[in-house]
Amino acid sequence: MTCRNRRNQIITGLLVSVTGFFMSHWAWADDLNQAFESLEQTHKAGVKTQQHIDKTDDETQDMLQSYRQVVAEQQSLSLYNKQLKLMTDSQQQKITELSAQIESIEETQHTILPLMQQMLQGLKRFVAMDIPFLMEERQARLDKLDLLLVNSEVSVAEKYRQLLEAFQIEIEYGNTIEAYEGQLVANKMLSSTTEKTETAQWVQFFRMGRVGLYYMTADGHELGVWNNQLRHWQPLDQQYLSELQQAIRLAHQQQAPQLLSLPINTPNHVSKIQDAVSTQQKTK
């Protein structure tokens, strides 16, 4: 009985050990499956994160490209403003010199009159080389000055005042926007006061300082922009129709100010205009 009991105890112990081994193996396999599932979820989350990073990077690159374009346009406008300032500073210097001379007008009259003629010739050159807005009105002002400077019944002080006023009007054009109706004949522009003709096309003009001059037909099917380098009108893509309509409403104060995206003249023509204005003055 003792031997049999011992053998039973040994068998029972072996069964317990084997059972424990398989139970621990099953538990380990279950833990391993959970680990694989967790790893797979982590991998999927990593893929989504990478996709989000790639999308964010693309958006960042687009924003960077837009920023660089805005910076380039700002630099171009900055150059234009600097050149225009040089031109106005030069004229202001001449005005200051004239003001000092007028204090003794009787003694300097023979010097001032030729100088004012030179300034008028410079203004004519400026208008001729500028973008062609309100040309009838501007030309009439120049013609009036022509007659004024040779009129002996008008004092030198009054001639000087009206000449400076004409310069000031031209300077202010560069700081304003304007929309008006007029007639377009081929590559020539007529003002709103010009009598209609069969060949003239009635359009809406928009002027943005001195950097842009545009037109739009009444039905909006035809747009144009003035190329001051080539001195003629060029077709403007229909993608700018909405911008041009907004610009015209803005000029008429029918909507709040906002950023406009329209093609503009390069500042190269400003230096040419400046040279034209100063040519006559350098010959005195």
C-alpha atoms as a PDB file:
ATOM      1  CA  MET A   1       0.000   0.000   0.000  1.00  0.00           C
ATOM      2  CA  THR A   2       2.837   2.306   0.738  1.00  0.00           C
ATOM      3  CA  CYS A   3       4.441   1.808  -2.685  1.00  0.00           C
ATOM      4  CA  ARG A   4       1.111   2.255  -4.434  1.00  0.00           C
ATOM      5  CA  ASN A   5       0.378   5.461  -2.575  1.00  0.00           C
ATOM      6  CA  ARG A   6       3.786   6.807  -3.441  1.00  0.00           C
ATOM      7  CA  ARG A   7       3.324   5.977  -7.103  1.00  0.00           C
ATOM      8  CA  ASN A   8      -0.069   7.698  -7.091  1.00  0.00           C
ATOM      9  CA  GLN A   9       1.495  10.757  -5.534  1.00  0.00           C
ATOM     10  CA  ILE A  10       4.199  10.846  -8.211  1.00  0.00           C
ATOM     11  CA  ILE A  11       1.640  10.514 -11.012  1.00  0.00           C
ATOM     12  CA  THR A  12      -0.525  13.208  -9.459  1.00  0.00           C
ATOM     13  CA  GLY A  13       2.479  15.546  -9.214  1.00  0.00           C
ATOM     14  CA  LEU A  14       3.377  14.962 -12.850  1.00  0.00           C
ATOM     15  CA  LEU A  15      -0.179  15.711 -13.943  1.00  0.00           C
ATOM     16  CA  VAL A  16      -0.191  18.925 -11.940  1.00  0.00           C
ATOM     17  CA  SER A  17       3.148  19.996 -13.469  1.00  0.00           C
ATOM     18  CA  VAL A  18       2.053  19.225 -17.021  1.00  0.00           C
ATOM     19  CA  THR A  19      -1.237  21.030 -16.499  1.00  0.00           C
ATOM     20  CA  GLY A  20       0.554  24.073 -15.104  1.00  0.00           C
ATOM     21  CA  PHE A  21       2.984  24.077 -18.047  1.00  0.00           C
ATOM     22  CA  PHE A  22       0.208  24.124 -20.656  1.00  0.00           C
ATOM     23  CA  MET A  23      -1.802  26.707 -18.751  1.00  0.00           C
ATOM     24  CA  SER A  24       1.199  29.032 -18.514  1.00  0.00           C
ATOM     25  CA  HIS A  25       1.905  28.464 -22.241  1.00  0.00           C
ATOM     26  CA  TRP A  26      -1.668  29.424 -23.143  1.00  0.00           C
ATOM     27  CA  ALA A  27      -1.470  32.535 -20.967  1.00  0.00           C
ATOM     28  CA  TRP A  28       1.834  33.524 -22.643  1.00  0.00           C
ATOM     29  CA  ALA A  29       0.321  33.042 -26.116  1.00  0.00           C
ATOM     30  CA  ASP A  30      -2.627  35.236 -25.174  1.00  0.00           C
ATOM     31  CA  ASP A  31      -0.261  37.978 -23.966  1.00  0.00           C
ATOM     32  CA  LEU A  32       1.692  37.685 -27.217  1.00  0.00           C
ATOM     33  CA  ASN A  33      -1.477  38.132 -29.289  1.00  0.00           C
ATOM     34  CA  GLN A  34      -2.379  41.220 -27.294  1.00  0.00           C
ATOM     35  CA  ALA A  35       1.108  42.594 -27.871  1.00  0.00           C
ATOM     36  CA  PHE A  36       0.798  42.064 -31.640  1.00  0.00           C
ATOM     37  CA  GLU A  37      -2.612  43.773 -31.672  1.00  0.00           C
ATOM     38  CA  SER A  38      -1.209  46.719 -29.731  1.00  0.00           C
ATOM     39  CA  LEU A  39       1.739  46.936 -32.139  1.00  0.00           C
ATOM     40  CA  GLU A  40      -0.610  46.896 -35.142  1.00  0.00           C
ATOM     41  CA  GLN A  41      -2.730  49.701 -33.655  1.00  0.00           C
ATOM     42  CA  THR A  42       0.406  51.719 -32.976  1.00  0.00           C
ATOM     43  CA  HIS A  43       1.525  51.215 -36.581  1.00  0.00           C
ATOM     44  CA  LYS A  44      -1.847  52.385 -37.935  1.00  0.00           C
ATOM     45  CA  ALA A  45      -1.725  55.437 -35.700  1.00  0.00           C
ATOM     46  CA  GLY A  46       1.804  56.153 -36.941  1.00  0.00           C
ATOM     47  CA  VAL A  47       0.646  55.956 -40.573  1.00  0.00           C
ATOM     48  CA  LYS A  48      -2.173  58.436 -39.901  1.00  0.00           C
ATOM     49  CA  THR A  49       0.238  60.749 -38.109  1.00  0.00           C
ATOM     50  CA  GLN A  50       2.678  60.644 -41.040  1.00  0.00           C
ATOM     51  CA  GLN A  51      -0.133  61.376 -43.500  1.00  0.00           C
ATOM     52  CA  HIS A  52      -1.136  64.374 -41.403  1.00  0.00           C
ATOM     53  CA  ILE A  53       2.488  65.556 -41.325  1.00  0.00           C
ATOM     54  CA  ASP A  54       2.767  65.220 -45.124  1.00  0.00           C
ATOM     55  CA  LYS A  55      -0.455  67.201 -45.635  1.00  0.00           C
ATOM     56  CA  THR A  56       0.699  69.912 -43.231  1.00  0.00           C
ATOM     57  CA  ASP A  57       4.046  70.111 -45.043  1.00  0.00           C
ATOM     58  CA  ASP A  58       2.304  70.598 -48.414  1.00  0.00           C
ATOM     59  CA  GLU A  59       0.143  73.368 -46.976  1.00  0.00           C
ATOM     60  CA  THR A  60       3.210  75.002 -45.453  1.00  0.00           C
ATOM     61  CA  GLN A  61       5.005  74.951 -48.814  1.00  0.00           C
ATOM     62  CA  ASP A  62       1.988  76.568 -50.508  1.00  0.00           C
ATOM     63  CA  MET A  63       1.878  79.286 -47.866  1.00  0.00           C
ATOM     64  CA  LEU A  64       5.622  79.855 -48.236  1.00  0.00           C
ATOM     65  CA  GLN A  65       5.263  80.235 -52.019  1.00  0.00           C
ATOM     66  CA  SER A  66       2.423  82.733 -51.580  1.00  0.00           C
ATOM     67  CA  TYR A  67       4.473  84.671 -49.041  1.00  0.00           C
ATOM     68  CA  ARG A  68       7.451  84.866 -51.389  1.00  0.00           C
ATOM     69  CA  GLN A  69       5.212  86.147 -54.183  1.00  0.00           C
ATOM     70  CA  VAL A  70       3.771  88.851 -51.931  1.00  0.00           C
ATOM     71  CA  VAL A  71       7.292  89.869 -50.851  1.00  0.00           C
ATOM     72  CA  ALA A  72       8.404  90.127 -54.499  1.00  0.00           C
ATOM     73  CA  GLU A  73       5.412  92.325 -55.374  1.00  0.00           C
ATOM     74  CA  GLN A  74       6.033  94.491 -52.331  1.00  0.00           C
ATOM     75  CA  GLN A  75       9.657  94.980 -53.342  1.00  0.00           C
ATOM     76  CA  SER A  76       8.588  96.008 -56.852  1.00  0.00           C
ATOM     77  CA  LEU A  77       6.132  98.573 -55.491  1.00  0.00           C
ATOM     78  CA  SER A  78       8.735  99.805 -53.022  1.00  0.00           C
ATOM     79  CA  LEU A  79      11.152 100.436 -55.895  1.00  0.00           C
ATOM     80  CA  TYR A  80       8.445 102.301 -57.788  1.00  0.00           C
ATOM     81  CA  ASN A  81       7.666 104.497 -54.774  1.00  0.00           C
ATOM     82  CA  LYS A  82      11.340 105.295 -54.258  1.00  0.00           C
ATOM     83  CA  GLN A  83      11.764 106.366 -57.866  1.00  0.00           C
ATOM     84  CA  LEU A  84       8.609 108.464 -57.766  1.00  0.00           C
ATOM     85  CA  LYS A  85       9.817 110.103 -54.552  1.00  0.00           C
ATOM     86  CA  LEU A  86      13.099 111.033 -56.227  1.00  0.00           C
ATOM     87  CA  MET A  87      11.127 112.683 -58.987  1.00  0.00           C
ATOM     88  CA  THR A  88       8.845 114.628 -56.623  1.00  0.00           C
ATOM     89  CA  ASP A  89      11.779 115.591 -54.397  1.00  0.00           C
ATOM     90  CA  SER A  90      13.535 117.013 -57.446  1.00  0.00           C
ATOM     91  CA  GLN A  91      10.464 119.046 -58.323  1.00  0.00           C
ATOM     92  CA  GLN A  92      10.061 120.188 -54.731  1.00  0.00           C
ATOM     93  CA  GLN A  93      13.641 121.414 -54.746  1.00  0.00           C
ATOM     94  CA  LYS A  94      12.899 123.483 -57.833  1.00  0.00           C
ATOM     95  CA  ILE A  95       9.746 124.808 -56.188  1.00  0.00           C
ATOM     96  CA  THR A  96      11.721 125.832 -53.118  1.00  0.00           C
ATOM     97  CA  GLU A  97      14.235 127.613 -55.290  1.00  0.00           C
ATOM     98  CA  LEU A  98      11.454 129.431 -57.121  1.00  0.00           C
ATOM     99  CA  SER A  99       9.815 130.466 -53.838  1.00  0.00           C
ATOM    100  CA  ALA A 100      13.031 132.101 -52.737  1.00  0.00           C
ATOM    101  CA  GLN A 101      13.342 133.929 -56.038  1.00  0.00           C
ATOM    102  CA  ILE A 102       9.771 135.228 -55.959  1.00  0.00           C
ATOM    103  CA  GLU A 103      10.532 137.176 -52.788  1.00  0.00           C
ATOM    104  CA  SER A 104      12.394 139.590 -55.026  1.00  0.00           C
ATOM    105  CA  ILE A 105      10.166 139.168 -58.065  1.00  0.00           C
ATOM    106  CA  GLU A 106      10.999 142.464 -59.760  1.00  0.00           C
ATOM    107  CA  GLU A 107      14.707 141.646 -59.818  1.00  0.00           C
ATOM    108  CA  THR A 108      14.388 138.020 -60.848  1.00  0.00           C
ATOM    109  CA  GLN A 109      11.455 138.146 -63.248  1.00  0.00           C
ATOM    110  CA  HIS A 110      13.612 137.643 -66.327  1.00  0.00           C
ATOM    111  CA  THR A 111      15.048 134.464 -64.741  1.00  0.00           C
ATOM    112  CA  ILE A 112      11.826 133.027 -63.350  1.00  0.00           C
ATOM    113  CA  LEU A 113       9.755 133.180 -66.521  1.00  0.00           C
ATOM    114  CA  PRO A 114      12.164 131.032 -68.586  1.00  0.00           C
ATOM    115  CA  LEU A 115      12.447 128.610 -65.679  1.00  0.00           C
ATOM    116  CA  MET A 116       8.668 128.265 -65.467  1.00  0.00           C
ATOM    117  CA  GLN A 117       8.610 127.580 -69.199  1.00  0.00           C
ATOM    118  CA  GLN A 118      11.146 124.805 -68.631  1.00  0.00           C
ATOM    119  CA  MET A 119       9.030 123.370 -65.822  1.00  0.00           C
ATOM    120  CA  LEU A 120       5.955 123.414 -68.057  1.00  0.00           C
ATOM    121  CA  GLN A 121       7.827 121.592 -70.815  1.00  0.00           C
ATOM    122  CA  GLY A 122       8.922 119.007 -68.266  1.00  0.00           C
ATOM    123  CA  LEU A 123       5.316 118.562 -67.127  1.00  0.00           C
ATOM    124  CA  LYS A 124       4.231 118.060 -70.740  1.00  0.00           C
ATOM    125  CA  ARG A 125       6.839 115.337 -71.188  1.00  0.00           C
ATOM    126  CA  PHE A 126       5.684 113.710 -67.974  1.00  0.00           C
ATOM    127  CA  VAL A 127       2.038 113.595 -69.095  1.00  0.00           C
ATOM    128  CA  ALA A 128       2.987 112.308 -72.545  1.00  0.00           C
ATOM    129  CA  MET A 129       4.953 109.379 -71.083  1.00  0.00           C
ATOM    130  CA  ASP A 130       2.533 108.642 -68.240  1.00  0.00           C
ATOM    131  CA  ILE A 131      -0.359 106.161 -68.438  1.00  0.00           C
ATOM    132  CA  PRO A 132      -3.076 107.815 -70.574  1.00  0.00           C
ATOM    133  CA  PHE A 133      -5.859 108.518 -68.103  1.00  0.00           C
ATOM    134  CA  LEU A 134      -8.104 111.612 -68.383  1.00  0.00           C
ATOM    135  CA  MET A 135      -5.961 112.798 -71.283  1.00  0.00           C
ATOM    136  CA  GLU A 136      -8.428 115.405 -72.535  1.00  0.00           C
ATOM    137  CA  GLU A 137      -8.659 117.015 -69.102  1.00  0.00           C
ATOM    138  CA  ARG A 138      -4.899 116.943 -68.524  1.00  0.00           C
ATOM    139  CA  GLN A 139      -4.099 118.285 -71.989  1.00  0.00           C
ATOM    140  CA  ALA A 140      -6.571 121.137 -71.505  1.00  0.00           C
ATOM    141  CA  ARG A 141      -4.759 122.070 -68.296  1.00  0.00           C
ATOM    142  CA  LEU A 142      -1.429 122.168 -70.140  1.00  0.00           C
ATOM    143  CA  ASP A 143      -2.887 124.269 -72.960  1.00  0.00           C
ATOM    144  CA  LYS A 144      -4.244 126.723 -70.410  1.00  0.00           C
ATOM    145  CA  LEU A 145      -0.788 127.046 -68.843  1.00  0.00           C
ATOM    146  CA  ASP A 146       0.721 127.680 -72.273  1.00  0.00           C
ATOM    147  CA  LEU A 147      -1.547 130.685 -72.731  1.00  0.00           C
ATOM    148  CA  LEU A 148      -1.126 131.801 -69.146  1.00  0.00           C
ATOM    149  CA  LEU A 149       2.665 132.054 -69.223  1.00  0.00           C
ATOM    150  CA  VAL A 150       2.637 134.391 -72.244  1.00  0.00           C
ATOM    151  CA  ASN A 151      -0.189 136.582 -70.924  1.00  0.00           C
ATOM    152  CA  SER A 152       1.319 139.911 -69.881  1.00  0.00           C
ATOM    153  CA  GLU A 153      -1.798 140.859 -67.911  1.00  0.00           C
ATOM    154  CA  VAL A 154      -1.257 138.020 -65.406  1.00  0.00           C
ATOM    155  CA  SER A 155       1.271 138.548 -62.628  1.00  0.00           C
ATOM    156  CA  VAL A 156       4.299 136.309 -62.300  1.00  0.00           C
ATOM    157  CA  ALA A 157       3.084 135.242 -58.863  1.00  0.00           C
ATOM    158  CA  GLU A 158      -0.247 134.048 -60.317  1.00  0.00           C
ATOM    159  CA  LYS A 159       1.491 132.220 -63.150  1.00  0.00           C
ATOM    160  CA  TYR A 160       3.719 130.513 -60.608  1.00  0.00           C
ATOM    161  CA  ARG A 161       0.742 129.585 -58.406  1.00  0.00           C
ATOM    162  CA  GLN A 162      -1.195 127.946 -61.230  1.00  0.00           C
ATOM    163  CA  LEU A 163       1.895 126.114 -62.470  1.00  0.00           C
ATOM    164  CA  LEU A 164       2.491 124.681 -58.996  1.00  0.00           C
ATOM    165  CA  GLU A 165      -1.182 123.745 -58.780  1.00  0.00           C
ATOM    166  CA  ALA A 166      -0.863 121.735 -61.998  1.00  0.00           C
ATOM    167  CA  PHE A 167       2.167 119.913 -60.582  1.00  0.00           C
ATOM    168  CA  GLN A 168       0.277 119.180 -57.366  1.00  0.00           C
ATOM    169  CA  ILE A 169      -2.694 117.741 -59.272  1.00  0.00           C
ATOM    170  CA  GLU A 170      -0.396 115.402 -61.210  1.00  0.00           C
ATOM    171  CA  ILE A 171       1.364 114.305 -58.022  1.00  0.00           C
ATOM    172  CA  GLU A 172      -1.963 113.520 -56.316  1.00  0.00           C
ATOM    173  CA  TYR A 173      -2.973 111.227 -59.179  1.00  0.00           C
ATOM    174  CA  GLY A 174      -0.280 108.830 -57.981  1.00  0.00           C
ATOM    175  CA  ASN A 175      -1.885 108.533 -54.540  1.00  0.00           C
ATOM    176  CA  THR A 176      -5.506 107.948 -55.539  1.00  0.00           C
ATOM    177  CA  ILE A 177      -7.762 105.477 -57.317  1.00  0.00           C
ATOM    178  CA  GLU A 178     -10.485 106.473 -59.731  1.00  0.00           C
ATOM    179  CA  ALA A 179     -13.231 104.887 -61.827  1.00  0.00           C
ATOM    180  CA  TYR A 180     -14.981 106.687 -64.668  1.00  0.00           C
ATOM    181  CA  GLU A 181     -16.740 106.057 -67.966  1.00  0.00           C
ATOM    182  CA  GLY A 182     -15.151 106.923 -71.273  1.00  0.00           C
ATOM    183  CA  GLN A 183     -14.733 105.857 -74.861  1.00  0.00           C
ATOM    184  CA  LEU A 184     -12.039 103.568 -76.202  1.00  0.00           C
ATOM    185  CA  VAL A 185     -11.002 103.824 -79.848  1.00  0.00           C
ATOM    186  CA  ALA A 186      -8.493 101.125 -80.863  1.00  0.00           C
ATOM    187  CA  ASN A 187      -5.435 101.941 -78.720  1.00  0.00           C
ATOM    188  CA  LYS A 188      -6.577 105.476 -77.910  1.00  0.00           C
ATOM    189  CA  MET A 189      -8.684 106.538 -74.962  1.00  0.00           C
ATOM    190  CA  LEU A 190     -11.252 109.336 -75.009  1.00  0.00           C
ATOM    191  CA  SER A 191     -12.698 110.998 -71.942  1.00  0.00           C
ATOM    192  CA  SER A 192     -16.317 110.917 -70.845  1.00  0.00           C
ATOM    193  CA  THR A 193     -16.889 114.366 -72.383  1.00  0.00           C
ATOM    194  CA  THR A 194     -15.937 113.240 -75.890  1.00  0.00           C
ATOM    195  CA  GLU A 195     -18.852 112.908 -78.298  1.00  0.00           C
ATOM    196  CA  LYS A 196     -19.658 109.292 -79.124  1.00  0.00           C
ATOM    197  CA  THR A 197     -18.667 107.968 -82.537  1.00  0.00           C
ATOM    198  CA  GLU A 198     -19.478 104.774 -84.398  1.00  0.00           C
ATOM    199  CA  THR A 199     -15.955 103.412 -83.936  1.00  0.00           C
ATOM    200  CA  ALA A 200     -15.678 104.335 -80.256  1.00  0.00           C
ATOM    201  CA  GLN A 201     -16.447 101.743 -77.588  1.00  0.00           C
ATOM    202  CA  TRP A 202     -18.066 102.881 -74.356  1.00  0.00           C
ATOM    203  CA  VAL A 203     -16.229 101.319 -71.383  1.00  0.00           C
ATOM    204  CA  GLN A 204     -15.614 101.691 -67.660  1.00  0.00           C
ATOM    205  CA  PHE A 205     -12.064 102.741 -66.750  1.00  0.00           C
ATOM    206  CA  PHE A 206     -10.292 102.109 -63.453  1.00  0.00           C
ATOM    207  CA  ARG A 207      -7.053 103.858 -62.486  1.00  0.00           C
ATOM    208  CA  MET A 208      -4.926 102.621 -59.587  1.00  0.00           C
ATOM    209  CA  GLY A 209      -2.522 105.448 -58.836  1.00  0.00           C
ATOM    210  CA  ARG A 210      -0.001 105.436 -61.640  1.00  0.00           C
ATOM    211  CA  VAL A 211       0.736 101.716 -61.512  1.00  0.00           C
ATOM    212  CA  GLY A 212      -2.334 100.425 -63.304  1.00  0.00           C
ATOM    213  CA  LEU A 213      -4.969 101.513 -65.825  1.00  0.00           C
ATOM    214  CA  TYR A 214      -7.738  99.095 -66.816  1.00  0.00           C
ATOM    215  CA  TYR A 215     -11.010  99.046 -68.718  1.00  0.00           C
ATOM    216  CA  MET A 216     -14.091  96.823 -68.773  1.00  0.00           C
ATOM    217  CA  THR A 217     -16.951  96.768 -71.255  1.00  0.00           C
ATOM    218  CA  ALA A 218     -20.503  97.161 -69.983  1.00  0.00           C
ATOM    219  CA  ASP A 219     -21.233  93.438 -70.387  1.00  0.00           C
ATOM    220  CA  GLY A 220     -17.927  92.455 -68.775  1.00  0.00           C
ATOM    221  CA  HIS A 221     -16.940  90.306 -71.752  1.00  0.00           C
ATOM    222  CA  GLU A 222     -13.871  92.366 -72.599  1.00  0.00           C
ATOM    223  CA  LEU A 223     -11.171  93.497 -70.178  1.00  0.00           C
ATOM    224  CA  GLY A 224      -7.981  95.397 -70.902  1.00  0.00           C
ATOM    225  CA  VAL A 225      -4.880  96.723 -69.169  1.00  0.00           C
ATOM    226  CA  TRP A 226      -2.588  99.504 -70.383  1.00  0.00           C
ATOM    227  CA  ASN A 227       1.005  98.433 -71.079  1.00  0.00           C
ATOM    228  CA  ASN A 228       3.062 101.574 -70.612  1.00  0.00           C
ATOM    229  CA  GLN A 229       6.200  99.851 -71.867  1.00  0.00           C
ATOM    230  CA  LEU A 230       4.632  99.128 -75.268  1.00  0.00           C
ATOM    231  CA  ARG A 231       2.269 102.133 -75.100  1.00  0.00           C
ATOM    232  CA  HIS A 232      -0.889 100.229 -75.999  1.00  0.00           C
ATOM    233  CA  TRP A 233      -3.761  98.256 -74.480  1.00  0.00           C
ATOM    234  CA  GLN A 234      -3.483  94.540 -73.893  1.00  0.00           C
ATOM    235  CA  PRO A 235      -6.300  92.038 -73.267  1.00  0.00           C
ATOM    236  CA  LEU A 236      -6.843  91.122 -69.629  1.00  0.00           C
ATOM    237  CA  ASP A 237      -7.792  87.559 -68.700  1.00  0.00           C
ATOM    238  CA  GLN A 238     -11.365  86.949 -67.544  1.00  0.00           C
ATOM    239  CA  GLN A 239     -10.016  85.651 -64.238  1.00  0.00           C
ATOM    240  CA  TYR A 240      -9.597  89.320 -63.237  1.00  0.00           C
ATOM    241  CA  LEU A 241     -13.241  90.258 -63.927  1.00  0.00           C
ATOM    242  CA  SER A 242     -14.340  89.926 -60.305  1.00  0.00           C
ATOM    243  CA  GLU A 243     -11.291  91.847 -59.042  1.00  0.00           C
ATOM    244  CA  LEU A 244     -11.858  94.671 -61.534  1.00  0.00           C
ATOM    245  CA  GLN A 245     -15.551  94.911 -60.638  1.00  0.00           C
ATOM    246  CA  GLN A 246     -14.622  95.134 -56.958  1.00  0.00           C
ATOM    247  CA  ALA A 247     -12.000  97.781 -57.742  1.00  0.00           C
ATOM    248  CA  ILE A 248     -14.570  99.929 -59.560  1.00  0.00           C
ATOM    249  CA  ARG A 249     -17.016  99.617 -56.660  1.00  0.00           C
ATOM    250  CA  LEU A 250     -14.218 100.527 -54.275  1.00  0.00           C
ATOM    251  CA  ALA A 251     -13.372 103.639 -56.316  1.00  0.00           C
ATOM    252  CA  HIS A 252     -17.043 104.656 -56.159  1.00  0.00           C
ATOM    253  CA  GLN A 253     -16.958 104.057 -52.375  1.00  0.00           C
ATOM    254  CA  GLN A 254     -19.596 101.363 -52.699  1.00  0.00           C
ATOM    255  CA  GLN A 255     -17.695  98.854 -50.567  1.00  0.00           C
ATOM    256  CA  ALA A 256     -15.087  98.762 -47.828  1.00  0.00           C
ATOM    257  CA  PRO A 257     -11.372  98.890 -48.761  1.00  0.00           C
ATOM    258  CA  GLN A 258      -9.784  95.513 -49.410  1.00  0.00           C
ATOM    259  CA  LEU A 259      -6.736  93.930 -51.038  1.00  0.00           C
ATOM    260  CA  LEU A 260      -6.924  93.843 -54.847  1.00  0.00           C
ATOM    261  CA  SER A 261      -5.100  91.384 -57.077  1.00  0.00           C
ATOM    262  CA  LEU A 262      -4.568  93.074 -60.449  1.00  0.00           C
ATOM    263  CA  PRO A 263      -1.540  93.119 -62.786  1.00  0.00           C
ATOM    264  CA  ILE A 264       0.385  96.392 -62.572  1.00  0.00           C
ATOM    265  CA  ASN A 265       2.896  98.338 -64.623  1.00  0.00           C
ATOM    266  CA  THR A 266       6.514  97.656 -63.763  1.00  0.00           C
ATOM    267  CA  PRO A 267       8.355 100.619 -62.239  1.00  0.00           C
ATOM    268  CA  ASN A 268      10.801 100.826 -65.161  1.00  0.00           C
ATOM    269  CA  HIS A 269       8.826 103.563 -66.915  1.00  0.00           C
ATOM    270  CA  VAL A 270       9.069 105.845 -63.877  1.00  0.00           C
ATOM    271  CA  SER A 271      12.775 106.496 -64.414  1.00  0.00           C
ATOM    272  CA  LYS A 272      12.037 107.388 -68.042  1.00  0.00           C
ATOM    273  CA  ILE A 273       9.371 109.849 -66.938  1.00  0.00           C
ATOM    274  CA  GLN A 274      11.710 111.295 -64.341  1.00  0.00           C
ATOM    275  CA  ASP A 275      14.388 111.811 -66.998  1.00  0.00           C
ATOM    276  CA  ALA A 276      11.878 113.549 -69.235  1.00  0.00           C
ATOM    277  CA  VAL A 277      10.839 115.918 -66.461  1.00  0.00           C
ATOM    278  CA  SER A 278      14.418 116.812 -65.551  1.00  0.00           C
ATOM    279  CA  THR A 279      15.807 117.117 -69.097  1.00  0.00           C
ATOM    280  CA  GLN A 280      14.611 120.678 -69.604  1.00  0.00           C
ATOM    281  CA  GLN A 281      15.683 121.725 -66.112  1.00  0.00           C
ATOM    282  CA  LYS A 282      19.242 120.518 -66.635  1.00  0.00           C
ATOM    283  CA  THR A 283      19.617 122.737 -69.694  1.00  0.00           C
ATOM    284  CA  LYS A 284      19.032 125.995 -67.865  1.00  0.00           C
END
